[in-house]
């Protein structure tokens, strides 16, 4: 079962520009964000919320 939708992964790539450190950072923050909201699937809207609200 996928945790991130394809569109969510596109957002991760757009933010990280291929940097593994940035990818790990946004994915970790997205996983914590989803866990706090009892969500099992992370979509592009969640990733954007994390990027805009929690990451530089």
Protein backbone atom coordinates (compact mmCIF):
# COMPACT_ATOMS: atom_id res chain seq x y z
CA UNK A 1 0.00 0.00 0.00
CA UNK A 2 1.30 3.42 -0.94
CA UNK A 3 1.47 6.09 1.74
CA UNK A 4 2.10 9.02 -0.63
CA UNK A 5 -0.08 9.63 -3.68
CA UNK A 6 1.63 10.19 -7.03
CA UNK A 7 0.72 13.89 -6.88
CA UNK A 8 2.20 14.09 -3.37
CA UNK A 9 5.46 12.64 -4.67
CA UNK A 10 5.44 15.23 -7.47
CA UNK A 11 5.17 17.96 -4.81
CA UNK A 12 8.02 16.41 -2.82
CA UNK A 13 10.21 16.37 -5.92
CA UNK A 14 9.27 19.94 -6.84
CA UNK A 15 10.27 21.11 -3.36
CA UNK A 16 13.43 19.05 -3.04
CA UNK A 17 14.71 19.38 -6.62
CA UNK A 18 16.19 15.90 -6.22
CA UNK A 19 18.11 16.63 -3.00
CA UNK A 20 17.93 13.55 -0.77
CA UNK A 21 18.23 15.64 2.39
CA UNK A 22 15.29 17.88 1.38
CA UNK A 23 13.29 14.82 0.28
CA UNK A 24 13.80 13.16 3.66
CA UNK A 25 12.90 16.36 5.49
CA UNK A 26 9.63 16.99 3.67
CA UNK A 27 8.62 13.32 3.81
CA UNK A 28 9.34 13.07 7.54
CA UNK A 29 7.37 16.25 8.25
CA UNK A 30 4.51 15.01 6.05
CA UNK A 31 4.41 11.67 7.88
CA UNK A 32 4.24 13.44 11.24
CA UNK A 33 1.56 15.81 9.93
CA UNK A 34 -0.54 12.87 8.69
CA UNK A 35 -0.04 10.93 11.93
CA UNK A 36 -1.24 13.86 14.03
CA UNK A 37 -4.42 13.92 11.94
CA UNK A 38 -4.90 10.12 11.88
CA UNK A 39 -4.55 10.06 8.07
CA UNK A 40 -3.27 6.95 6.32
CA UNK A 41 -2.71 8.53 2.91
CA UNK A 42 -0.64 11.63 2.22
CA UNK A 43 -1.82 13.70 -0.73
CA UNK A 44 -0.40 16.72 -2.53
CA UNK A 45 -2.45 19.15 -0.45
CA UNK A 46 -0.92 17.82 2.77
CA UNK A 47 2.60 18.03 1.37
CA UNK A 48 2.00 21.62 0.22
CA UNK A 49 0.65 22.52 3.67
CA UNK A 50 3.78 21.09 5.28
CA UNK A 51 6.09 22.86 2.84
CA UNK A 52 4.34 26.22 3.21
CA UNK A 53 3.90 26.04 6.97
CA UNK A 54 6.80 24.11 8.44
CA UNK A 55 9.75 24.22 6.07
CA UNK A 56 11.95 27.09 4.89
